[in-house]
Amino acid sequence: MEKIFVAQRVANKLWSAENAVDAAMAEAAQLMAEMTTARQELKVAAGTDERALKDLVAAISALGEARTALVTMHEELAEVKLRCGIRTKLVGGFDKNQASTDEGLRAVS
């Protein structure tokens, strides 16, 4: 199999992993907001969910560390790609056109 196709498969999985961590971070942040809103609506003391909130903050921090590690790995794999003699730019990951239609943003070149 050609090296470029092997590298593209790895790149696709890397982008998928990066997107999954981003999605998990967003979900966890939404959970934190929902917990805060629920506590206020129920009119319970701030300390009521303090331990759970502390654990959620730790989870978000761990996700942030995972994201940093994936970004570092991404940079390292770019060097590996070059050492393997692959000069082609791999495509995938974040779709600028999809974001422009889904989020009301426009892609910038």
PDB file of N, CA and C in Angstrom:
ATOM      1  N   MET A   1       0.853  -1.180   0.000  1.00  0.00           N
ATOM      2  CA  MET A   1       0.000   0.000   0.000  1.00  0.00           C
ATOM      3  C   MET A   1       0.893   1.236   0.000  1.00  0.00           C
ATOM      4  N   GLU A   2       0.461   2.262  -0.697  1.00  0.00           N
ATOM      5  CA  GLU A   2       1.245   3.484  -0.764  1.00  0.00           C
ATOM      6  C   GLU A   2       1.311   4.174   0.595  1.00  0.00           C
ATOM      7  N   LYS A   3       2.471   4.743   0.886  1.00  0.00           N
ATOM      8  CA  LYS A   3       2.689   5.402   2.180  1.00  0.00           C
ATOM      9  C   LYS A   3       1.667   6.500   2.441  1.00  0.00           C
ATOM     10  N   ILE A   4       1.285   7.226   1.420  1.00  0.00           N
ATOM     11  CA  ILE A   4       0.359   8.342   1.615  1.00  0.00           C
ATOM     12  C   ILE A   4      -0.990   7.862   2.143  1.00  0.00           C
ATOM     13  N   PHE A   5      -1.452   6.709   1.675  1.00  0.00           N
ATOM     14  CA  PHE A   5      -2.738   6.188   2.134  1.00  0.00           C
ATOM     15  C   PHE A   5      -2.664   5.718   3.579  1.00  0.00           C
ATOM     16  N   VAL A   6      -1.539   5.138   3.951  1.00  0.00           N
ATOM     17  CA  VAL A   6      -1.330   4.720   5.340  1.00  0.00           C
ATOM     18  C   VAL A   6      -1.301   5.955   6.243  1.00  0.00           C
ATOM     19  N   ALA A   7      -0.558   6.974   5.830  1.00  0.00           N
ATOM     20  CA  ALA A   7      -0.477   8.206   6.613  1.00  0.00           C
ATOM     21  C   ALA A   7      -1.837   8.883   6.717  1.00  0.00           C
ATOM     22  N   GLN A   8      -2.622   8.846   5.654  1.00  0.00           N
ATOM     23  CA  GLN A   8      -3.945   9.474   5.683  1.00  0.00           C
ATOM     24  C   GLN A   8      -4.854   8.773   6.685  1.00  0.00           C
ATOM     25  N   ARG A   9      -4.760   7.436   6.763  1.00  0.00           N
ATOM     26  CA  ARG A   9      -5.561   6.695   7.746  1.00  0.00           C
ATOM     27  C   ARG A   9      -5.211   7.124   9.162  1.00  0.00           C
ATOM     28  N   VAL A  10      -3.915   7.253   9.448  1.00  0.00           N
ATOM     29  CA  VAL A  10      -3.477   7.684  10.773  1.00  0.00           C
ATOM     30  C   VAL A  10      -3.966   9.107  11.039  1.00  0.00           C
ATOM     31  N   ALA A  11      -3.830   9.974  10.049  1.00  0.00           N
ATOM     32  CA  ALA A  11      -4.278  11.362  10.208  1.00  0.00           C
ATOM     33  C   ALA A  11      -5.773  11.424  10.484  1.00  0.00           C
ATOM     34  N   ASN A  12      -6.551  10.619   9.793  1.00  0.00           N
ATOM     35  CA  ASN A  12      -8.002  10.605  10.017  1.00  0.00           C
ATOM     36  C   ASN A  12      -8.333  10.219  11.454  1.00  0.00           C
ATOM     37  N   LYS A  13      -7.635   9.229  11.990  1.00  0.00           N
ATOM     38  CA  LYS A  13      -7.872   8.814  13.379  1.00  0.00           C
ATOM     39  C   LYS A  13      -7.431   9.894  14.363  1.00  0.00           C
ATOM     40  N   LEU A  14      -6.334  10.567  14.053  1.00  0.00           N
ATOM     41  CA  LEU A  14      -5.867  11.645  14.917  1.00  0.00           C
ATOM     42  C   LEU A  14      -6.889  12.768  14.952  1.00  0.00           C
ATOM     43  N   TRP A  15      -7.394  13.183  13.804  1.00  0.00           N
ATOM     44  CA  TRP A  15      -8.391  14.246  13.762  1.00  0.00           C
ATOM     45  C   TRP A  15      -9.660  13.825  14.503  1.00  0.00           C
ATOM     46  N   SER A  16     -10.020  12.561  14.350  1.00  0.00           N
ATOM     47  CA  SER A  16     -11.193  12.044  15.046  1.00  0.00           C
ATOM     48  C   SER A  16     -10.997  12.107  16.560  1.00  0.00           C
ATOM     49  N   ALA A  17      -9.819  11.724  17.027  1.00  0.00           N
ATOM     50  CA  ALA A  17      -9.520  11.772  18.459  1.00  0.00           C
ATOM     51  C   ALA A  17      -9.526  13.215  18.965  1.00  0.00           C
ATOM     52  N   GLU A  18      -8.939  14.130  18.205  1.00  0.00           N
ATOM     53  CA  GLU A  18      -8.935  15.544  18.602  1.00  0.00           C
ATOM     54  C   GLU A  18     -10.365  16.074  18.702  1.00  0.00           C
ATOM     55  N   ASN A  19     -11.182  15.747  17.714  1.00  0.00           N
ATOM     56  CA  ASN A  19     -12.579  16.197  17.720  1.00  0.00           C
ATOM     57  C   ASN A  19     -13.353  15.601  18.888  1.00  0.00           C
ATOM     58  N   ALA A  20     -13.070  14.347  19.226  1.00  0.00           N
ATOM     59  CA  ALA A  20     -13.762  13.692  20.336  1.00  0.00           C
ATOM     60  C   ALA A  20     -13.423  14.370  21.669  1.00  0.00           C
ATOM     61  N   VAL A  21     -12.157  14.725  21.860  1.00  0.00           N
ATOM     62  CA  VAL A  21     -11.765  15.405  23.097  1.00  0.00           C
ATOM     63  C   VAL A  21     -12.413  16.786  23.150  1.00  0.00           C
ATOM     64  N   ASP A  22     -12.413  17.508  22.029  1.00  0.00           N
ATOM     65  CA  ASP A  22     -13.077  18.817  21.992  1.00  0.00           C
ATOM     66  C   ASP A  22     -14.554  18.694  22.353  1.00  0.00           C
ATOM     67  N   ALA A  23     -15.210  17.681  21.791  1.00  0.00           N
ATOM     68  CA  ALA A  23     -16.637  17.471  22.076  1.00  0.00           C
ATOM     69  C   ALA A  23     -16.853  17.127  23.545  1.00  0.00           C
ATOM     70  N   ALA A  24     -15.974  16.302  24.109  1.00  0.00           N
ATOM     71  CA  ALA A  24     -16.097  15.942  25.524  1.00  0.00           C
ATOM     72  C   ALA A  24     -15.896  17.167  26.415  1.00  0.00           C
ATOM     73  N   MET A  25     -14.956  18.029  26.060  1.00  0.00           N
ATOM     74  CA  MET A  25     -14.738  19.251  26.833  1.00  0.00           C
ATOM     75  C   MET A  25     -15.977  20.149  26.774  1.00  0.00           C
ATOM     76  N   ALA A  26     -16.572  20.264  25.610  1.00  0.00           N
ATOM     77  CA  ALA A  26     -17.772  21.097  25.465  1.00  0.00           C
ATOM     78  C   ALA A  26     -18.927  20.523  26.274  1.00  0.00           C
ATOM     79  N   GLU A  27     -19.098  19.209  26.225  1.00  0.00           N
ATOM     80  CA  GLU A  27     -20.167  18.568  27.001  1.00  0.00           C
ATOM     81  C   GLU A  27     -19.961  18.767  28.496  1.00  0.00           C
ATOM     82  N   ALA A  28     -18.714  18.626  28.941  1.00  0.00           N
ATOM     83  CA  ALA A  28     -18.419  18.793  30.366  1.00  0.00           C
ATOM     84  C   ALA A  28     -18.679  20.233  30.808  1.00  0.00           C
ATOM     85  N   ALA A  29     -18.340  21.189  29.959  1.00  0.00           N
ATOM     86  CA  ALA A  29     -18.602  22.592  30.292  1.00  0.00           C
ATOM     87  C   ALA A  29     -20.112  22.850  30.373  1.00  0.00           C
ATOM     88  N   GLN A  30     -20.857  22.244  29.461  1.00  0.00           N
ATOM     89  CA  GLN A  30     -22.317  22.383  29.494  1.00  0.00           C
ATOM     90  C   GLN A  30     -22.897  21.731  30.750  1.00  0.00           C
ATOM     91  N   LEU A  31     -22.304  20.609  31.158  1.00  0.00           N
ATOM     92  CA  LEU A  31     -22.735  19.950  32.386  1.00  0.00           C
ATOM     93  C   LEU A  31     -22.509  20.865  33.582  1.00  0.00           C
ATOM     94  N   MET A  32     -21.360  21.534  33.619  1.00  0.00           N
ATOM     95  CA  MET A  32     -21.081  22.447  34.727  1.00  0.00           C
ATOM     96  C   MET A  32     -22.113  23.574  34.767  1.00  0.00           C
ATOM     97  N   ALA A  33     -22.419  24.125  33.623  1.00  0.00           N
ATOM     98  CA  ALA A  33     -23.418  25.199  33.567  1.00  0.00           C
ATOM     99  C   ALA A  33     -24.781  24.689  34.011  1.00  0.00           C
ATOM    100  N   GLU A  34     -25.134  23.490  33.584  1.00  0.00           N
ATOM    101  CA  GLU A  34     -26.434  22.913  33.951  1.00  0.00           C
ATOM    102  C   GLU A  34     -26.512  22.632  35.441  1.00  0.00           C
ATOM    103  N   MET A  35     -25.414  22.135  36.017  1.00  0.00           N
ATOM    104  CA  MET A  35     -25.389  21.879  37.457  1.00  0.00           C
ATOM    105  C   MET A  35     -25.578  23.179  38.239  1.00  0.00           C
ATOM    106  N   THR A  36     -24.915  24.236  37.802  1.00  0.00           N
ATOM    107  CA  THR A  36     -25.025  25.529  38.479  1.00  0.00           C
ATOM    108  C   THR A  36     -26.452  26.060  38.384  1.00  0.00           C
ATOM    109  N   THR A  37     -27.025  25.982  37.198  1.00  0.00           N
ATOM    110  CA  THR A  37     -28.403  26.445  37.005  1.00  0.00           C
ATOM    111  C   THR A  37     -29.371  25.633  37.853  1.00  0.00           C
ATOM    112  N   ALA A  38     -29.207  24.320  37.878  1.00  0.00           N
ATOM    113  CA  ALA A  38     -30.100  23.447  38.648  1.00  0.00           C
ATOM    114  C   ALA A  38     -30.016  23.766  40.139  1.00  0.00           C
ATOM    115  N   ARG A  39     -28.779  23.968  40.630  1.00  0.00           N
ATOM    116  CA  ARG A  39     -28.608  24.294  42.055  1.00  0.00           C
ATOM    117  C   ARG A  39     -29.313  25.600  42.396  1.00  0.00           C
ATOM    118  N   GLN A  40     -29.190  26.581  41.528  1.00  0.00           N
ATOM    119  CA  GLN A  40     -29.839  27.864  41.771  1.00  0.00           C
ATOM    120  C   GLN A  40     -31.364  27.741  41.699  1.00  0.00           C
ATOM    121  N   GLU A  41     -31.852  26.984  40.717  1.00  0.00           N
ATOM    122  CA  GLU A  41     -33.303  26.796  40.591  1.00  0.00           C
ATOM    123  C   GLU A  41     -33.880  26.063  41.795  1.00  0.00           C
ATOM    124  N   LEU A  42     -33.121  25.114  42.315  1.00  0.00           N
ATOM    125  CA  LEU A  42     -33.576  24.353  43.478  1.00  0.00           C
ATOM    126  C   LEU A  42     -33.354  25.105  44.785  1.00  0.00           C
ATOM    127  N   LYS A  43     -32.658  26.236  44.693  1.00  0.00           N
ATOM    128  CA  LYS A  43     -32.384  27.084  45.848  1.00  0.00           C
ATOM    129  C   LYS A  43     -31.675  26.321  46.971  1.00  0.00           C
ATOM    130  N   VAL A  44     -30.632  25.589  46.580  1.00  0.00           N
ATOM    131  CA  VAL A  44     -29.828  24.883  47.574  1.00  0.00           C
ATOM    132  C   VAL A  44     -28.480  25.585  47.709  1.00  0.00           C
ATOM    133  N   ALA A  45     -27.834  25.389  48.815  1.00  0.00           N
ATOM    134  CA  ALA A  45     -26.569  26.050  49.113  1.00  0.00           C
ATOM    135  C   ALA A  45     -25.487  25.652  48.104  1.00  0.00           C
ATOM    136  N   ALA A  46     -24.569  26.592  47.876  1.00  0.00           N
ATOM    137  CA  ALA A  46     -23.489  26.356  46.917  1.00  0.00           C
ATOM    138  C   ALA A  46     -22.640  25.145  47.289  1.00  0.00           C
ATOM    139  N   GLY A  47     -22.506  24.858  48.557  1.00  0.00           N
ATOM    140  CA  GLY A  47     -21.694  23.725  48.982  1.00  0.00           C
ATOM    141  C   GLY A  47     -22.327  22.371  48.750  1.00  0.00           C
ATOM    142  N   THR A  48     -23.601  22.354  48.389  1.00  0.00           N
ATOM    143  CA  THR A  48     -24.327  21.095  48.233  1.00  0.00           C
ATOM    144  C   THR A  48     -23.688  20.173  47.197  1.00  0.00           C
ATOM    145  N   ASP A  49     -23.277  20.751  46.068  1.00  0.00           N
ATOM    146  CA  ASP A  49     -22.689  19.922  45.008  1.00  0.00           C
ATOM    147  C   ASP A  49     -21.192  20.186  44.854  1.00  0.00           C
ATOM    148  N   GLU A  50     -20.580  20.720  45.889  1.00  0.00           N
ATOM    149  CA  GLU A  50     -19.175  21.134  45.813  1.00  0.00           C
ATOM    150  C   GLU A  50     -18.243  19.985  45.435  1.00  0.00           C
ATOM    151  N   ARG A  51     -18.412  18.820  46.045  1.00  0.00           N
ATOM    152  CA  ARG A  51     -17.523  17.690  45.732  1.00  0.00           C
ATOM    153  C   ARG A  51     -17.707  17.219  44.302  1.00  0.00           C
ATOM    154  N   ALA A  52     -18.951  17.157  43.866  1.00  0.00           N
ATOM    155  CA  ALA A  52     -19.204  16.737  42.484  1.00  0.00           C
ATOM    156  C   ALA A  52     -18.629  17.761  41.499  1.00  0.00           C
ATOM    157  N   LEU A  53     -18.798  19.032  41.813  1.00  0.00           N
ATOM    158  CA  LEU A  53     -18.275  20.085  40.950  1.00  0.00           C
ATOM    159  C   LEU A  53     -16.750  20.041  40.897  1.00  0.00           C
ATOM    160  N   LYS A  54     -16.141  19.772  42.040  1.00  0.00           N
ATOM    161  CA  LYS A  54     -14.678  19.653  42.087  1.00  0.00           C
ATOM    162  C   LYS A  54     -14.203  18.504  41.202  1.00  0.00           C
ATOM    163  N   ASP A  55     -14.920  17.379  41.234  1.00  0.00           N
ATOM    164  CA  ASP A  55     -14.568  16.246  40.375  1.00  0.00           C
ATOM    165  C   ASP A  55     -14.750  16.594  38.897  1.00  0.00           C
ATOM    166  N   LEU A  56     -15.784  17.348  38.586  1.00  0.00           N
ATOM    167  CA  LEU A  56     -16.019  17.756  37.198  1.00  0.00           C
ATOM    168  C   LEU A  56     -14.895  18.672  36.716  1.00  0.00           C
ATOM    169  N   VAL A  57     -14.465  19.593  37.562  1.00  0.00           N
ATOM    170  CA  VAL A  57     -13.348  20.476  37.208  1.00  0.00           C
ATOM    171  C   VAL A  57     -12.091  19.645  36.949  1.00  0.00           C
ATOM    172  N   ALA A  58     -11.854  18.630  37.768  1.00  0.00           N
ATOM    173  CA  ALA A  58     -10.700  17.742  37.563  1.00  0.00           C
ATOM    174  C   ALA A  58     -10.817  17.005  36.228  1.00  0.00           C
ATOM    175  N   ALA A  59     -12.021  16.581  35.894  1.00  0.00           N
ATOM    176  CA  ALA A  59     -12.234  15.882  34.617  1.00  0.00           C
ATOM    177  C   ALA A  59     -11.967  16.815  33.441  1.00  0.00           C
ATOM    178  N   ILE A  60     -12.439  18.060  33.534  1.00  0.00           N
ATOM    179  CA  ILE A  60     -12.205  19.031  32.464  1.00  0.00           C
ATOM    180  C   ILE A  60     -10.709  19.314  32.333  1.00  0.00           C
ATOM    181  N   SER A  61     -10.031  19.414  33.465  1.00  0.00           N
ATOM    182  CA  SER A  61      -8.583  19.629  33.442  1.00  0.00           C
ATOM    183  C   SER A  61      -7.872  18.459  32.753  1.00  0.00           C
ATOM    184  N   ALA A  62      -8.295  17.245  33.059  1.00  0.00           N
ATOM    185  CA  ALA A  62      -7.700  16.062  32.431  1.00  0.00           C
ATOM    186  C   ALA A  62      -7.957  16.066  30.920  1.00  0.00           C
ATOM    187  N   LEU A  63      -9.148  16.487  30.523  1.00  0.00           N
ATOM    188  CA  LEU A  63      -9.442  16.591  29.089  1.00  0.00           C
ATOM    189  C   LEU A  63      -8.550  17.637  28.425  1.00  0.00           C
ATOM    190  N   GLY A  64      -8.298  18.731  29.131  1.00  0.00           N
ATOM    191  CA  GLY A  64      -7.396  19.752  28.609  1.00  0.00           C
ATOM    192  C   GLY A  64      -5.985  19.211  28.417  1.00  0.00           C
ATOM    193  N   GLU A  65      -5.534  18.417  29.372  1.00  0.00           N
ATOM    194  CA  GLU A  65      -4.215  17.792  29.241  1.00  0.00           C
ATOM    195  C   GLU A  65      -4.186  16.801  28.079  1.00  0.00           C
ATOM    196  N   ALA A  66      -5.280  16.059  27.901  1.00  0.00           N
ATOM    197  CA  ALA A  66      -5.366  15.127  26.779  1.00  0.00           C
ATOM    198  C   ALA A  66      -5.319  15.879  25.452  1.00  0.00           C
ATOM    199  N   ARG A  67      -6.004  17.006  25.396  1.00  0.00           N
ATOM    200  CA  ARG A  67      -6.014  17.803  24.169  1.00  0.00           C
ATOM    201  C   ARG A  67      -4.614  18.320  23.857  1.00  0.00           C
ATOM    202  N   THR A  68      -3.917  18.809  24.881  1.00  0.00           N
ATOM    203  CA  THR A  68      -2.543  19.291  24.700  1.00  0.00           C
ATOM    204  C   THR A  68      -1.639  18.167  24.199  1.00  0.00           C
ATOM    205  N   ALA A  69      -1.794  16.981  24.765  1.00  0.00           N
ATOM    206  CA  ALA A  69      -0.986  15.839  24.340  1.00  0.00           C
ATOM    207  C   ALA A  69      -1.269  15.474  22.886  1.00  0.00           C
ATOM    208  N   LEU A  70      -2.538  15.532  22.478  1.00  0.00           N
ATOM    209  CA  LEU A  70      -2.873  15.228  21.084  1.00  0.00           C
ATOM    210  C   LEU A  70      -2.296  16.269  20.123  1.00  0.00           C
ATOM    211  N   VAL A  71      -2.320  17.526  20.521  1.00  0.00           N
ATOM    212  CA  VAL A  71      -1.745  18.576  19.675  1.00  0.00           C
ATOM    213  C   VAL A  71      -0.237  18.366  19.539  1.00  0.00           C
ATOM    214  N   THR A  72       0.422  18.041  20.643  1.00  0.00           N
ATOM    215  CA  THR A  72       1.855  17.757  20.600  1.00  0.00           C
ATOM    216  C   THR A  72       2.129  16.551  19.704  1.00  0.00           C
ATOM    217  N   MET A  73       1.317  15.520  19.863  1.00  0.00           N
ATOM    218  CA  MET A  73       1.470  14.327  19.042  1.00  0.00           C
ATOM    219  C   MET A  73       1.277  14.654  17.571  1.00  0.00           C
ATOM    220  N   HIS A  74       0.322  15.525  17.269  1.00  0.00           N
ATOM    221  CA  HIS A  74       0.052  15.938  15.901  1.00  0.00           C
ATOM    222  C   HIS A  74       1.319  16.537  15.282  1.00  0.00           C
ATOM    223  N   GLU A  75       1.982  17.416  16.029  1.00  0.00           N
ATOM    224  CA  GLU A  75       3.218  18.038  15.560  1.00  0.00           C
ATOM    225  C   GLU A  75       4.319  16.991  15.357  1.00  0.00           C
ATOM    226  N   GLU A  76       4.400  16.044  16.273  1.00  0.00           N
ATOM    227  CA  GLU A  76       5.420  14.993  16.158  1.00  0.00           C
ATOM    228  C   GLU A  76       5.163  14.108  14.943  1.00  0.00           C
ATOM    229  N   LEU A  77       3.905  13.778  14.697  1.00  0.00           N
ATOM    230  CA  LEU A  77       3.583  12.939  13.541  1.00  0.00           C
ATOM    231  C   LEU A  77       3.833  13.669  12.222  1.00  0.00           C
ATOM    232  N   ALA A  78       3.710  14.993  12.231  1.00  0.00           N
ATOM    233  CA  ALA A  78       4.030  15.760  11.017  1.00  0.00           C
ATOM    234  C   ALA A  78       5.506  15.578  10.667  1.00  0.00           C
ATOM    235  N   GLU A  79       6.360  15.526  11.690  1.00  0.00           N
ATOM    236  CA  GLU A  79       7.781  15.288  11.451  1.00  0.00           C
ATOM    237  C   GLU A  79       8.023  13.857  10.972  1.00  0.00           C
ATOM    238  N   VAL A  80       7.317  12.895  11.556  1.00  0.00           N
ATOM    239  CA  VAL A  80       7.449  11.499  11.135  1.00  0.00           C
ATOM    240  C   VAL A  80       7.051  11.357   9.669  1.00  0.00           C
ATOM    241  N   LYS A  81       5.981  12.023   9.296  1.00  0.00           N
ATOM    242  CA  LYS A  81       5.506  11.993   7.907  1.00  0.00           C
ATOM    243  C   LYS A  81       6.626  12.437   6.963  1.00  0.00           C
ATOM    244  N   LEU A  82       7.300  13.524   7.303  1.00  0.00           N
ATOM    245  CA  LEU A  82       8.389  14.023   6.456  1.00  0.00           C
ATOM    246  C   LEU A  82       9.562  13.043   6.422  1.00  0.00           C
ATOM    247  N   ARG A  83       9.879  12.441   7.578  1.00  0.00           N
ATOM    248  CA  ARG A  83      10.972  11.461   7.611  1.00  0.00           C
ATOM    249  C   ARG A  83      10.656  10.238   6.767  1.00  0.00           C
ATOM    250  N   CYS A  84       9.377   9.946   6.594  1.00  0.00           N
ATOM    251  CA  CYS A  84       8.968   8.813   5.758  1.00  0.00           C
ATOM    252  C   CYS A  84       8.943   9.188   4.277  1.00  0.00           C
ATOM    253  N   GLY A  85       9.253  10.447   3.979  1.00  0.00           N
ATOM    254  CA  GLY A  85       9.295  10.876   2.589  1.00  0.00           C
ATOM    255  C   GLY A  85       7.954  11.307   2.032  1.00  0.00           C
ATOM    256  N   ILE A  86       6.990  11.574   2.908  1.00  0.00           N
ATOM    257  CA  ILE A  86       5.659  11.996   2.451  1.00  0.00           C
ATOM    258  C   ILE A  86       5.619  13.518   2.520  1.00  0.00           C
ATOM    259  N   ARG A  87       5.492  14.138   1.355  1.00  0.00           N
ATOM    260  CA  ARG A  87       5.477  15.599   1.291  1.00  0.00           C
ATOM    261  C   ARG A  87       4.073  16.140   1.033  1.00  0.00           C
ATOM    262  N   THR A  88       3.140  15.258   0.737  1.00  0.00           N
ATOM    263  CA  THR A  88       1.773  15.656   0.437  1.00  0.00           C
ATOM    264  C   THR A  88       1.085  16.158   1.694  1.00  0.00           C
ATOM    265  N   LYS A  89       0.318  17.243   1.563  1.00  0.00           N
ATOM    266  CA  LYS A  89      -0.472  17.752   2.693  1.00  0.00           C
ATOM    267  C   LYS A  89      -1.697  16.867   2.837  1.00  0.00           C
ATOM    268  N   LEU A  90      -1.860  16.295   4.019  1.00  0.00           N
ATOM    269  CA  LEU A  90      -3.011  15.440   4.273  1.00  0.00           C
ATOM    270  C   LEU A  90      -4.222  16.313   4.569  1.00  0.00           C
ATOM    271  N   VAL A  91      -5.390  15.870   4.131  1.00  0.00           N
ATOM    272  CA  VAL A  91      -6.600  16.660   4.323  1.00  0.00           C
ATOM    273  C   VAL A  91      -7.542  15.939   5.265  1.00  0.00           C
ATOM    274  N   GLY A  92      -8.358  16.736   5.946  1.00  0.00           N
ATOM    275  CA  GLY A  92      -9.332  16.179   6.874  1.00  0.00           C
ATOM    276  C   GLY A  92      -9.393  17.036   8.108  1.00  0.00           C
ATOM    277  N   GLY A  93      -9.958  16.475   9.157  1.00  0.00           N
ATOM    278  CA  GLY A  93     -10.055  17.227  10.397  1.00  0.00           C
ATOM    279  C   GLY A  93     -11.156  18.256  10.339  1.00  0.00           C
ATOM    280  N   PHE A  94     -10.847  19.475  10.723  1.00  0.00           N
ATOM    281  CA  PHE A  94     -11.833  20.548  10.799  1.00  0.00           C
ATOM    282  C   PHE A  94     -12.252  20.972   9.408  1.00  0.00           C
ATOM    283  N   ASP A  95     -13.520  20.968   9.155  1.00  0.00           N
ATOM    284  CA  ASP A  95     -14.070  21.350   7.864  1.00  0.00           C
ATOM    285  C   ASP A  95     -14.531  22.799   7.929  1.00  0.00           C
ATOM    286  N   LYS A  96     -13.763  23.715   7.342  1.00  0.00           N
ATOM    287  CA  LYS A  96     -14.087  25.142   7.397  1.00  0.00           C
ATOM    288  C   LYS A  96     -15.441  25.427   6.752  1.00  0.00           C
ATOM    289  N   ASN A  97     -15.735  24.751   5.659  1.00  0.00           N
ATOM    290  CA  ASN A  97     -17.009  24.988   4.974  1.00  0.00           C
ATOM    291  C   ASN A  97     -18.183  24.520   5.819  1.00  0.00           C
ATOM    292  N   GLN A  98     -18.027  23.399   6.514  1.00  0.00           N
ATOM    293  CA  GLN A  98     -19.087  22.896   7.386  1.00  0.00           C
ATOM    294  C   GLN A  98     -19.342  23.872   8.520  1.00  0.00           C
ATOM    295  N   ALA A  99     -18.272  24.413   9.102  1.00  0.00           N
ATOM    296  CA  ALA A  99     -18.413  25.357  10.207  1.00  0.00           C
ATOM    297  C   ALA A  99     -19.123  26.628   9.728  1.00  0.00           C
ATOM    298  N   SER A 100     -18.829  27.046   8.514  1.00  0.00           N
ATOM    299  CA  SER A 100     -19.447  28.287   8.032  1.00  0.00           C
ATOM    300  C   SER A 100     -20.938  28.115   7.848  1.00  0.00           C
ATOM    301  N   THR A 101     -21.395  26.925   7.486  1.00  0.00           N
ATOM    302  CA  THR A 101     -22.832  26.727   7.310  1.00  0.00           C
ATOM    303  C   THR A 101     -23.506  26.383   8.620  1.00  0.00           C
ATOM    304  N   ASP A 102     -22.823  25.669   9.506  1.00  0.00           N
ATOM    305  CA  ASP A 102     -23.445  25.241  10.754  1.00  0.00           C
ATOM    306  C   ASP A 102     -23.475  26.332  11.809  1.00  0.00           C
ATOM    307  N   GLU A 103     -22.465  27.152  11.871  1.00  0.00           N
ATOM    308  CA  GLU A 103     -22.334  28.098  12.971  1.00  0.00           C
ATOM    309  C   GLU A 103     -22.545  29.541  12.541  1.00  0.00           C
ATOM    310  N   GLY A 104     -22.866  29.780  11.266  1.00  0.00           N
ATOM    311  CA  GLY A 104     -23.048  31.142  10.819  1.00  0.00           C
ATOM    312  C   GLY A 104     -21.720  31.876  10.683  1.00  0.00           C
ATOM    313  N   LEU A 105     -20.621  31.152  10.651  1.00  0.00           N
ATOM    314  CA  LEU A 105     -19.312  31.749  10.476  1.00  0.00           C
ATOM    315  C   LEU A 105     -18.886  31.590   9.027  1.00  0.00           C
ATOM    316  N   ARG A 106     -17.944  32.404   8.621  1.00  0.00           N
ATOM    317  CA  ARG A 106     -17.444  32.224   7.267  1.00  0.00           C
ATOM    318  C   ARG A 106     -15.999  31.790   7.332  1.00  0.00           C
ATOM    319  N   ALA A 107     -15.603  30.971   6.375  1.00  0.00           N
ATOM    320  CA  ALA A 107     -14.230  30.500   6.324  1.00  0.00           C
ATOM    321  C   ALA A 107     -13.345  31.635   5.850  1.00  0.00           C
ATOM    322  N   VAL A 108     -12.156  31.735   6.446  1.00  0.00           N
ATOM    323  CA  VAL A 108     -11.184  32.748   6.067  1.00  0.00           C
ATOM    324  C   VAL A 108      -9.989  32.053   5.475  1.00  0.00           C
ATOM    325  N   SER A 109      -9.543  32.485   4.322  1.00  0.00           N
ATOM    326  CA  SER A 109      -8.396  31.862   3.668  1.00  0.00           C
ATOM    327  C   SER A 109      -7.102  32.460   4.147  1.00  0.00           C
TER     328      SER A 109
END
